[in-house]
Amino acid sequence: MIQKEKVFLKPEAILRYLCGNEKLHTLIACKDTTYDLITTDQSLYEALGSVKNRSEIDINLLVKLLEVTEIIPHRQTNKEEREILTPQRVQEIRDNKEE
């Protein structure tokens, strides 16, 4: 059996995907069999909370992300409670989205 590479999606990557990044769209939409996509509920929360115009989110992209990505509890992986999304964190995610 072939070992799949685990790819952790940070909030910035999720935000790029939701904003139409083609590379991430291909990776997620085509469900590459060489990767297992993983994120935490905290990262998903931060990405969604960082979207500037929520009415422009293609809900189909979000549904596909949820379909192919394993979402694990932040509490389980980090042994701490989830953090509240602050305006400073939102700006940090938006600024780093461009990288």
PDB file of N, CA and C in Angstrom:
ATOM      1  N   MET A   1       0.835  -1.185   0.000  1.00  0.00           N
ATOM      2  CA  MET A   1       0.000   0.000   0.000  1.00  0.00           C
ATOM      3  C   MET A   1       0.886   1.256   0.000  1.00  0.00           C
ATOM      4  N   ILE A   2       0.550   2.205  -0.826  1.00  0.00           N
ATOM      5  CA  ILE A   2       1.321   3.432  -0.945  1.00  0.00           C
ATOM      6  C   ILE A   2       0.955   4.388   0.185  1.00  0.00           C
ATOM      7  N   GLN A   3       1.996   4.911   0.837  1.00  0.00           N
ATOM      8  CA  GLN A   3       1.798   5.872   1.916  1.00  0.00           C
ATOM      9  C   GLN A   3       1.519   7.248   1.309  1.00  0.00           C
ATOM     10  N   LYS A   4       0.416   7.851   1.659  1.00  0.00           N
ATOM     11  CA  LYS A   4       0.067   9.188   1.164  1.00  0.00           C
ATOM     12  C   LYS A   4       0.756  10.245   2.008  1.00  0.00           C
ATOM     13  N   GLU A   5       1.126  11.333   1.341  1.00  0.00           N
ATOM     14  CA  GLU A   5       1.696  12.466   2.045  1.00  0.00           C
ATOM     15  C   GLU A   5       0.566  13.284   2.649  1.00  0.00           C
ATOM     16  N   LYS A   6       0.718  13.636   3.922  1.00  0.00           N
ATOM     17  CA  LYS A   6      -0.288  14.448   4.598  1.00  0.00           C
ATOM     18  C   LYS A   6       0.035  15.928   4.362  1.00  0.00           C
ATOM     19  N   VAL A   7      -0.961  16.662   3.895  1.00  0.00           N
ATOM     20  CA  VAL A   7      -0.802  18.091   3.646  1.00  0.00           C
ATOM     21  C   VAL A   7      -1.748  18.830   4.579  1.00  0.00           C
ATOM     22  N   PHE A   8      -1.166  19.655   5.465  1.00  0.00           N
ATOM     23  CA  PHE A   8      -1.975  20.423   6.399  1.00  0.00           C
ATOM     24  C   PHE A   8      -2.318  21.758   5.770  1.00  0.00           C
ATOM     25  N   LEU A   9      -3.597  22.069   5.702  1.00  0.00           N
ATOM     26  CA  LEU A   9      -4.060  23.335   5.141  1.00  0.00           C
ATOM     27  C   LEU A   9      -4.183  24.378   6.254  1.00  0.00           C
ATOM     28  N   LYS A  10      -3.349  25.407   6.158  1.00  0.00           N
ATOM     29  CA  LYS A  10      -3.394  26.515   7.109  1.00  0.00           C
ATOM     30  C   LYS A  10      -4.530  27.454   6.701  1.00  0.00           C
ATOM     31  N   PRO A  11      -4.934  28.352   7.605  1.00  0.00           N
ATOM     32  CA  PRO A  11      -6.023  29.289   7.271  1.00  0.00           C
ATOM     33  C   PRO A  11      -5.749  30.091   6.004  1.00  0.00           C
ATOM     34  N   GLU A  12      -4.497  30.496   5.814  1.00  0.00           N
ATOM     35  CA  GLU A  12      -4.137  31.287   4.634  1.00  0.00           C
ATOM     36  C   GLU A  12      -4.378  30.492   3.344  1.00  0.00           C
ATOM     37  N   ALA A  13      -4.044  29.212   3.363  1.00  0.00           N
ATOM     38  CA  ALA A  13      -4.245  28.365   2.179  1.00  0.00           C
ATOM     39  C   ALA A  13      -5.732  28.162   1.905  1.00  0.00           C
ATOM     40  N   ILE A  14      -6.510  27.957   2.958  1.00  0.00           N
ATOM     41  CA  ILE A  14      -7.958  27.788   2.790  1.00  0.00           C
ATOM     42  C   ILE A  14      -8.559  29.067   2.215  1.00  0.00           C
ATOM     43  N   LEU A  15      -8.117  30.212   2.725  1.00  0.00           N
ATOM     44  CA  LEU A  15      -8.616  31.493   2.219  1.00  0.00           C
ATOM     45  C   LEU A  15      -8.235  31.680   0.751  1.00  0.00           C
ATOM     46  N   ARG A  16      -6.996  31.325   0.381  1.00  0.00           N
ATOM     47  CA  ARG A  16      -6.588  31.414  -1.027  1.00  0.00           C
ATOM     48  C   ARG A  16      -7.486  30.541  -1.896  1.00  0.00           C
ATOM     49  N   TYR A  17      -7.767  29.324  -1.436  1.00  0.00           N
ATOM     50  CA  TYR A  17      -8.637  28.408  -2.176  1.00  0.00           C
ATOM     51  C   TYR A  17     -10.028  29.005  -2.361  1.00  0.00           C
ATOM     52  N   LEU A  18     -10.602  29.525  -1.285  1.00  0.00           N
ATOM     53  CA  LEU A  18     -11.947  30.100  -1.352  1.00  0.00           C
ATOM     54  C   LEU A  18     -11.995  31.342  -2.242  1.00  0.00           C
ATOM     55  N   CYS A  19     -10.839  31.997  -2.404  1.00  0.00           N
ATOM     56  CA  CYS A  19     -10.758  33.186  -3.260  1.00  0.00           C
ATOM     57  C   CYS A  19     -10.373  32.841  -4.696  1.00  0.00           C
ATOM     58  N   GLY A  20     -10.286  31.552  -5.004  1.00  0.00           N
ATOM     59  CA  GLY A  20     -10.090  31.145  -6.390  1.00  0.00           C
ATOM     60  C   GLY A  20      -8.687  30.763  -6.810  1.00  0.00           C
ATOM     61  N   ASN A  21      -7.779  30.479  -5.886  1.00  0.00           N
ATOM     62  CA  ASN A  21      -6.424  30.061  -6.248  1.00  0.00           C
ATOM     63  C   ASN A  21      -6.478  28.774  -7.067  1.00  0.00           C
ATOM     64  N   GLU A  22      -5.969  28.827  -8.296  1.00  0.00           N
ATOM     65  CA  GLU A  22      -6.077  27.709  -9.238  1.00  0.00           C
ATOM     66  C   GLU A  22      -5.318  26.468  -8.778  1.00  0.00           C
ATOM     67  N   LYS A  23      -4.102  26.643  -8.258  1.00  0.00           N
ATOM     68  CA  LYS A  23      -3.305  25.495  -7.824  1.00  0.00           C
ATOM     69  C   LYS A  23      -4.020  24.716  -6.717  1.00  0.00           C
ATOM     70  N   LEU A  24      -4.521  25.446  -5.731  1.00  0.00           N
ATOM     71  CA  LEU A  24      -5.247  24.793  -4.639  1.00  0.00           C
ATOM     72  C   LEU A  24      -6.571  24.224  -5.126  1.00  0.00           C
ATOM     73  N   HIS A  25      -7.215  24.940  -6.039  1.00  0.00           N
ATOM     74  CA  HIS A  25      -8.479  24.443  -6.585  1.00  0.00           C
ATOM     75  C   HIS A  25      -8.263  23.082  -7.251  1.00  0.00           C
ATOM     76  N   THR A  26      -7.208  22.961  -8.034  1.00  0.00           N
ATOM     77  CA  THR A  26      -6.903  21.701  -8.708  1.00  0.00           C
ATOM     78  C   THR A  26      -6.617  20.605  -7.688  1.00  0.00           C
ATOM     79  N   LEU A  27      -5.807  20.918  -6.688  1.00  0.00           N
ATOM     80  CA  LEU A  27      -5.464  19.938  -5.662  1.00  0.00           C
ATOM     81  C   LEU A  27      -6.700  19.438  -4.926  1.00  0.00           C
ATOM     82  N   ILE A  28      -7.597  20.349  -4.581  1.00  0.00           N
ATOM     83  CA  ILE A  28      -8.789  19.986  -3.803  1.00  0.00           C
ATOM     84  C   ILE A  28      -9.885  19.410  -4.688  1.00  0.00           C
ATOM     85  N   ALA A  29     -10.173  20.052  -5.795  1.00  0.00           N
ATOM     86  CA  ALA A  29     -11.273  19.614  -6.659  1.00  0.00           C
ATOM     87  C   ALA A  29     -11.001  18.258  -7.291  1.00  0.00           C
ATOM     88  N   CYS A  30      -9.739  17.980  -7.591  1.00  0.00           N
ATOM     89  CA  CYS A  30      -9.411  16.716  -8.256  1.00  0.00           C
ATOM     90  C   CYS A  30      -9.058  15.614  -7.262  1.00  0.00           C
ATOM     91  N   LYS A  31      -9.022  15.932  -5.993  1.00  0.00           N
ATOM     92  CA  LYS A  31      -8.726  14.968  -4.920  1.00  0.00           C
ATOM     93  C   LYS A  31      -7.558  14.079  -5.310  1.00  0.00           C
ATOM     94  N   ASP A  32      -6.392  14.710  -5.401  1.00  0.00           N
ATOM     95  CA  ASP A  32      -5.157  14.014  -5.743  1.00  0.00           C
ATOM     96  C   ASP A  32      -4.976  12.820  -4.798  1.00  0.00           C
ATOM     97  N   THR A  33      -4.782  11.655  -5.342  1.00  0.00           N
ATOM     98  CA  THR A  33      -4.695  10.435  -4.525  1.00  0.00           C
ATOM     99  C   THR A  33      -3.348  10.280  -3.834  1.00  0.00           C
ATOM    100  N   THR A  34      -2.403  11.163  -4.094  1.00  0.00           N
ATOM    101  CA  THR A  34      -1.105  11.069  -3.430  1.00  0.00           C
ATOM    102  C   THR A  34      -1.046  11.895  -2.151  1.00  0.00           C
ATOM    103  N   TYR A  35      -2.098  12.663  -1.886  1.00  0.00           N
ATOM    104  CA  TYR A  35      -2.135  13.523  -0.700  1.00  0.00           C
ATOM    105  C   TYR A  35      -3.378  13.268   0.137  1.00  0.00           C
ATOM    106  N   ASP A  36      -3.204  13.363   1.435  1.00  0.00           N
ATOM    107  CA  ASP A  36      -4.325  13.424   2.364  1.00  0.00           C
ATOM    108  C   ASP A  36      -4.361  14.851   2.889  1.00  0.00           C
ATOM    109  N   LEU A  37      -5.455  15.549   2.633  1.00  0.00           N
ATOM    110  CA  LEU A  37      -5.593  16.928   3.091  1.00  0.00           C
ATOM    111  C   LEU A  37      -6.172  16.953   4.491  1.00  0.00           C
ATOM    112  N   ILE A  38      -5.553  17.743   5.358  1.00  0.00           N
ATOM    113  CA  ILE A  38      -5.948  17.812   6.756  1.00  0.00           C
ATOM    114  C   ILE A  38      -5.961  19.277   7.187  1.00  0.00           C
ATOM    115  N   THR A  39      -6.906  19.618   8.032  1.00  0.00           N
ATOM    116  CA  THR A  39      -6.906  20.929   8.674  1.00  0.00           C
ATOM    117  C   THR A  39      -7.582  20.790  10.031  1.00  0.00           C
ATOM    118  N   THR A  40      -7.612  21.872  10.779  1.00  0.00           N
ATOM    119  CA  THR A  40      -8.315  21.857  12.060  1.00  0.00           C
ATOM    120  C   THR A  40      -9.565  22.720  11.955  1.00  0.00           C
ATOM    121  N   ASP A  41     -10.458  22.505  12.871  1.00  0.00           N
ATOM    122  CA  ASP A  41     -11.655  23.351  12.910  1.00  0.00           C
ATOM    123  C   ASP A  41     -11.264  24.808  13.147  1.00  0.00           C
ATOM    124  N   GLN A  42     -10.191  25.044  13.892  1.00  0.00           N
ATOM    125  CA  GLN A  42      -9.704  26.408  14.140  1.00  0.00           C
ATOM    126  C   GLN A  42      -9.245  27.058  12.840  1.00  0.00           C
ATOM    127  N   SER A  43      -8.509  26.330  12.017  1.00  0.00           N
ATOM    128  CA  SER A  43      -8.022  26.885  10.751  1.00  0.00           C
ATOM    129  C   SER A  43      -9.174  27.191   9.802  1.00  0.00           C
ATOM    130  N   LEU A  44     -10.156  26.321   9.753  1.00  0.00           N
ATOM    131  CA  LEU A  44     -11.322  26.555   8.906  1.00  0.00           C
ATOM    132  C   LEU A  44     -12.091  27.784   9.401  1.00  0.00           C
ATOM    133  N   TYR A  45     -12.289  27.870  10.688  1.00  0.00           N
ATOM    134  CA  TYR A  45     -12.965  29.020  11.311  1.00  0.00           C
ATOM    135  C   TYR A  45     -12.227  30.321  10.994  1.00  0.00           C
ATOM    136  N   GLU A  46     -10.900  30.309  11.130  1.00  0.00           N
ATOM    137  CA  GLU A  46     -10.120  31.517  10.866  1.00  0.00           C
ATOM    138  C   GLU A  46     -10.194  31.913   9.394  1.00  0.00           C
ATOM    139  N   ALA A  47     -10.132  30.943   8.496  1.00  0.00           N
ATOM    140  CA  ALA A  47     -10.202  31.241   7.064  1.00  0.00           C
ATOM    141  C   ALA A  47     -11.564  31.830   6.704  1.00  0.00           C
ATOM    142  N   LEU A  48     -12.627  31.192   7.159  1.00  0.00           N
ATOM    143  CA  LEU A  48     -13.966  31.690   6.839  1.00  0.00           C
ATOM    144  C   LEU A  48     -14.208  33.069   7.454  1.00  0.00           C
ATOM    145  N   GLY A  49     -13.690  33.280   8.636  1.00  0.00           N
ATOM    146  CA  GLY A  49     -13.845  34.568   9.293  1.00  0.00           C
ATOM    147  C   GLY A  49     -13.009  35.668   8.669  1.00  0.00           C
ATOM    148  N   SER A  50     -12.060  35.300   7.801  1.00  0.00           N
ATOM    149  CA  SER A  50     -11.175  36.270   7.163  1.00  0.00           C
ATOM    150  C   SER A  50     -11.612  36.649   5.758  1.00  0.00           C
ATOM    151  N   VAL A  51     -12.679  36.047   5.273  1.00  0.00           N
ATOM    152  CA  VAL A  51     -13.182  36.380   3.941  1.00  0.00           C
ATOM    153  C   VAL A  51     -13.755  37.789   3.991  1.00  0.00           C
ATOM    154  N   LYS A  52     -13.328  38.627   3.055  1.00  0.00           N
ATOM    155  CA  LYS A  52     -13.783  40.031   3.060  1.00  0.00           C
ATOM    156  C   LYS A  52     -15.256  40.151   2.690  1.00  0.00           C
ATOM    157  N   ASN A  53     -15.663  39.549   1.598  1.00  0.00           N
ATOM    158  CA  ASN A  53     -17.042  39.659   1.141  1.00  0.00           C
ATOM    159  C   ASN A  53     -17.647  38.255   1.100  1.00  0.00           C
ATOM    160  N   ARG A  54     -18.315  37.878   2.155  1.00  0.00           N
ATOM    161  CA  ARG A  54     -18.836  36.515   2.273  1.00  0.00           C
ATOM    162  C   ARG A  54     -19.856  36.161   1.206  1.00  0.00           C
ATOM    163  N   SER A  55     -20.501  37.167   0.635  1.00  0.00           N
ATOM    164  CA  SER A  55     -21.497  36.886  -0.405  1.00  0.00           C
ATOM    165  C   SER A  55     -20.832  36.417  -1.705  1.00  0.00           C
ATOM    166  N   GLU A  56     -19.521  36.611  -1.805  1.00  0.00           N
ATOM    167  CA  GLU A  56     -18.811  36.191  -3.011  1.00  0.00           C
ATOM    168  C   GLU A  56     -18.225  34.784  -2.910  1.00  0.00           C
ATOM    169  N   ILE A  57     -18.377  34.135  -1.758  1.00  0.00           N
ATOM    170  CA  ILE A  57     -17.854  32.772  -1.607  1.00  0.00           C
ATOM    171  C   ILE A  57     -18.728  31.822  -2.415  1.00  0.00           C
ATOM    172  N   ASP A  58     -18.070  31.016  -3.218  1.00  0.00           N
ATOM    173  CA  ASP A  58     -18.766  29.965  -3.955  1.00  0.00           C
ATOM    174  C   ASP A  58     -18.977  28.810  -2.980  1.00  0.00           C
ATOM    175  N   ILE A  59     -20.197  28.596  -2.566  1.00  0.00           N
ATOM    176  CA  ILE A  59     -20.500  27.563  -1.572  1.00  0.00           C
ATOM    177  C   ILE A  59     -20.066  26.182  -2.052  1.00  0.00           C
ATOM    178  N   ASN A  60     -20.022  25.990  -3.370  1.00  0.00           N
ATOM    179  CA  ASN A  60     -19.574  24.710  -3.916  1.00  0.00           C
ATOM    180  C   ASN A  60     -18.105  24.453  -3.591  1.00  0.00           C
ATOM    181  N   LEU A  61     -17.294  25.511  -3.555  1.00  0.00           N
ATOM    182  CA  LEU A  61     -15.889  25.353  -3.173  1.00  0.00           C
ATOM    183  C   LEU A  61     -15.775  24.916  -1.717  1.00  0.00           C
ATOM    184  N   LEU A  62     -16.584  25.509  -0.871  1.00  0.00           N
ATOM    185  CA  LEU A  62     -16.573  25.138   0.541  1.00  0.00           C
ATOM    186  C   LEU A  62     -17.034  23.696   0.723  1.00  0.00           C
ATOM    187  N   VAL A  63     -18.078  23.319   0.029  1.00  0.00           N
ATOM    188  CA  VAL A  63     -18.586  21.941   0.121  1.00  0.00           C
ATOM    189  C   VAL A  63     -17.512  20.949  -0.322  1.00  0.00           C
ATOM    190  N   LYS A  64     -16.820  21.245  -1.421  1.00  0.00           N
ATOM    191  CA  LYS A  64     -15.767  20.353  -1.918  1.00  0.00           C
ATOM    192  C   LYS A  64     -14.627  20.260  -0.914  1.00  0.00           C
ATOM    193  N   LEU A  65     -14.266  21.381  -0.324  1.00  0.00           N
ATOM    194  CA  LEU A  65     -13.220  21.379   0.700  1.00  0.00           C
ATOM    195  C   LEU A  65     -13.601  20.456   1.853  1.00  0.00           C
ATOM    196  N   LEU A  66     -14.845  20.566   2.306  1.00  0.00           N
ATOM    197  CA  LEU A  66     -15.315  19.724   3.410  1.00  0.00           C
ATOM    198  C   LEU A  66     -15.376  18.259   3.004  1.00  0.00           C
ATOM    199  N   GLU A  67     -15.640  18.009   1.747  1.00  0.00           N
ATOM    200  CA  GLU A  67     -15.732  16.633   1.240  1.00  0.00           C
ATOM    201  C   GLU A  67     -14.379  15.923   1.254  1.00  0.00           C
ATOM    202  N   VAL A  68     -13.325  16.622   0.873  1.00  0.00           N
ATOM    203  CA  VAL A  68     -12.034  15.954   0.666  1.00  0.00           C
ATOM    204  C   VAL A  68     -11.012  16.197   1.769  1.00  0.00           C
ATOM    205  N   THR A  69     -11.337  17.022   2.741  1.00  0.00           N
ATOM    206  CA  THR A  69     -10.387  17.370   3.791  1.00  0.00           C
ATOM    207  C   THR A  69     -10.820  16.789   5.129  1.00  0.00           C
ATOM    208  N   GLU A  70      -9.884  16.157   5.801  1.00  0.00           N
ATOM    209  CA  GLU A  70     -10.151  15.670   7.151  1.00  0.00           C
ATOM    210  C   GLU A  70     -10.021  16.858   8.095  1.00  0.00           C
ATOM    211  N   ILE A  71     -11.074  17.122   8.842  1.00  0.00           N
ATOM    212  CA  ILE A  71     -11.060  18.245   9.772  1.00  0.00           C
ATOM    213  C   ILE A  71     -10.988  17.686  11.185  1.00  0.00           C
ATOM    214  N   ILE A  72      -9.901  18.001  11.846  1.00  0.00           N
ATOM    215  CA  ILE A  72      -9.690  17.474  13.184  1.00  0.00           C
ATOM    216  C   ILE A  72      -9.849  18.607  14.197  1.00  0.00           C
ATOM    217  N   PRO A  73     -10.277  18.282  15.391  1.00  0.00           N
ATOM    218  CA  PRO A  73     -10.468  19.315  16.405  1.00  0.00           C
ATOM    219  C   PRO A  73      -9.146  19.950  16.836  1.00  0.00           C
ATOM    220  N   HIS A  74      -9.123  21.251  16.902  1.00  0.00           N
ATOM    221  CA  HIS A  74      -7.964  22.006  17.372  1.00  0.00           C
ATOM    222  C   HIS A  74      -7.575  21.538  18.774  1.00  0.00           C
ATOM    223  N   ARG A  75      -8.571  21.312  19.578  1.00  0.00           N
ATOM    224  CA  ARG A  75      -8.354  20.886  20.965  1.00  0.00           C
ATOM    225  C   ARG A  75      -7.588  19.567  21.007  1.00  0.00           C
ATOM    226  N   GLN A  76      -7.867  18.678  20.069  1.00  0.00           N
ATOM    227  CA  GLN A  76      -7.222  17.370  20.026  1.00  0.00           C
ATOM    228  C   GLN A  76      -5.759  17.481  19.594  1.00  0.00           C
ATOM    229  N   THR A  77      -5.474  18.318  18.624  1.00  0.00           N
ATOM    230  CA  THR A  77      -4.109  18.412  18.107  1.00  0.00           C
ATOM    231  C   THR A  77      -3.216  19.335  18.919  1.00  0.00           C
ATOM    232  N   ASN A  78      -3.781  20.406  19.467  1.00  0.00           N
ATOM    233  CA  ASN A  78      -2.979  21.390  20.181  1.00  0.00           C
ATOM    234  C   ASN A  78      -3.137  21.343  21.691  1.00  0.00           C
ATOM    235  N   LYS A  79      -4.043  20.510  22.156  1.00  0.00           N
ATOM    236  CA  LYS A  79      -4.282  20.371  23.600  1.00  0.00           C
ATOM    237  C   LYS A  79      -4.622  21.700  24.260  1.00  0.00           C
ATOM    238  N   GLU A  80      -5.355  22.535  23.510  1.00  0.00           N
ATOM    239  CA  GLU A  80      -5.801  23.816  24.050  1.00  0.00           C
ATOM    240  C   GLU A  80      -7.115  24.193  23.394  1.00  0.00           C
ATOM    241  N   GLU A  81      -7.815  25.113  24.034  1.00  0.00           N
ATOM    242  CA  GLU A  81      -9.097  25.575  23.497  1.00  0.00           C
ATOM    243  C   GLU A  81      -8.878  26.398  22.234  1.00  0.00           C
ATOM    244  N   ARG A  82      -9.915  26.450  21.391  1.00  0.00           N
ATOM    245  CA  ARG A  82      -9.846  27.293  20.204  1.00  0.00           C
ATOM    246  C   ARG A  82      -9.772  28.751  20.619  1.00  0.00           C
ATOM    247  N   GLU A  83      -9.145  29.538  19.761  1.00  0.00           N
ATOM    248  CA  GLU A  83      -8.987  30.968  20.041  1.00  0.00           C
ATOM    249  C   GLU A  83     -10.045  31.765  19.295  1.00  0.00           C
ATOM    250  N   ILE A  84     -10.439  32.888  19.883  1.00  0.00           N
ATOM    251  CA  ILE A  84     -11.372  33.812  19.255  1.00  0.00           C
ATOM    252  C   ILE A  84     -10.628  34.535  18.135  1.00  0.00           C
ATOM    253  N   LEU A  85     -11.288  34.702  17.023  1.00  0.00           N
ATOM    254  CA  LEU A  85     -10.699  35.385  15.879  1.00  0.00           C
ATOM    255  C   LEU A  85     -10.746  36.894  16.100  1.00  0.00           C
ATOM    256  N   THR A  86      -9.580  37.498  16.183  1.00  0.00           N
ATOM    257  CA  THR A  86      -9.482  38.935  16.412  1.00  0.00           C
ATOM    258  C   THR A  86      -9.273  39.672  15.088  1.00  0.00           C
ATOM    259  N   PRO A  87      -9.562  40.957  15.046  1.00  0.00           N
ATOM    260  CA  PRO A  87      -9.290  41.735  13.834  1.00  0.00           C
ATOM    261  C   PRO A  87      -7.810  41.683  13.430  1.00  0.00           C
ATOM    262  N   GLN A  88      -6.913  41.630  14.413  1.00  0.00           N
ATOM    263  CA  GLN A  88      -5.483  41.551  14.111  1.00  0.00           C
ATOM    264  C   GLN A  88      -5.150  40.226  13.420  1.00  0.00           C
ATOM    265  N   ARG A  89      -5.735  39.130  13.897  1.00  0.00           N
ATOM    266  CA  ARG A  89      -5.488  37.814  13.286  1.00  0.00           C
ATOM    267  C   ARG A  89      -6.073  37.771  11.879  1.00  0.00           C
ATOM    268  N   VAL A  90      -7.251  38.345  11.685  1.00  0.00           N
ATOM    269  CA  VAL A  90      -7.864  38.404  10.354  1.00  0.00           C
ATOM    270  C   VAL A  90      -6.932  39.125   9.391  1.00  0.00           C
ATOM    271  N   GLN A  91      -6.381  40.257   9.807  1.00  0.00           N
ATOM    272  CA  GLN A  91      -5.479  41.011   8.938  1.00  0.00           C
ATOM    273  C   GLN A  91      -4.217  40.220   8.632  1.00  0.00           C
ATOM    274  N   GLU A  92      -3.707  39.511   9.618  1.00  0.00           N
ATOM    275  CA  GLU A  92      -2.508  38.669   9.435  1.00  0.00           C
ATOM    276  C   GLU A  92      -2.773  37.577   8.389  1.00  0.00           C
ATOM    277  N   ILE A  93      -3.923  36.937   8.484  1.00  0.00           N
ATOM    278  CA  ILE A  93      -4.294  35.882   7.522  1.00  0.00           C
ATOM    279  C   ILE A  93      -4.454  36.483   6.124  1.00  0.00           C
ATOM    280  N   ARG A  94      -5.133  37.597   6.030  1.00  0.00           N
ATOM    281  CA  ARG A  94      -5.322  38.254   4.726  1.00  0.00           C
ATOM    282  C   ARG A  94      -3.987  38.665   4.115  1.00  0.00           C
ATOM    283  N   ASP A  95      -3.083  39.202   4.936  1.00  0.00           N
ATOM    284  CA  ASP A  95      -1.777  39.638   4.438  1.00  0.00           C
ATOM    285  C   ASP A  95      -0.961  38.446   3.947  1.00  0.00           C
ATOM    286  N   ASN A  96      -1.012  37.330   4.666  1.00  0.00           N
ATOM    287  CA  ASN A  96      -0.228  36.146   4.315  1.00  0.00           C
ATOM    288  C   ASN A  96      -0.884  35.299   3.228  1.00  0.00           C
ATOM    289  N   LYS A  97      -2.126  35.580   2.911  1.00  0.00           N
ATOM    290  CA  LYS A  97      -2.851  34.859   1.852  1.00  0.00           C
ATOM    291  C   LYS A  97      -2.170  35.052   0.519  1.00  0.00           C
ATOM    292  N   GLU A  98      -1.551  36.186   0.331  1.00  0.00           N
ATOM    293  CA  GLU A  98      -0.955  36.529  -0.958  1.00  0.00           C
ATOM    294  C   GLU A  98       0.323  35.761  -1.239  1.00  0.00           C
ATOM    295  N   GLU A  99       0.930  35.163  -0.230  1.00  0.00           N
ATOM    296  CA  GLU A  99       2.206  34.451  -0.412  1.00  0.00           C
ATOM    297  C   GLU A  99       2.029  33.156  -1.162  1.00  0.00           C
TER     298      GLU A  99
END
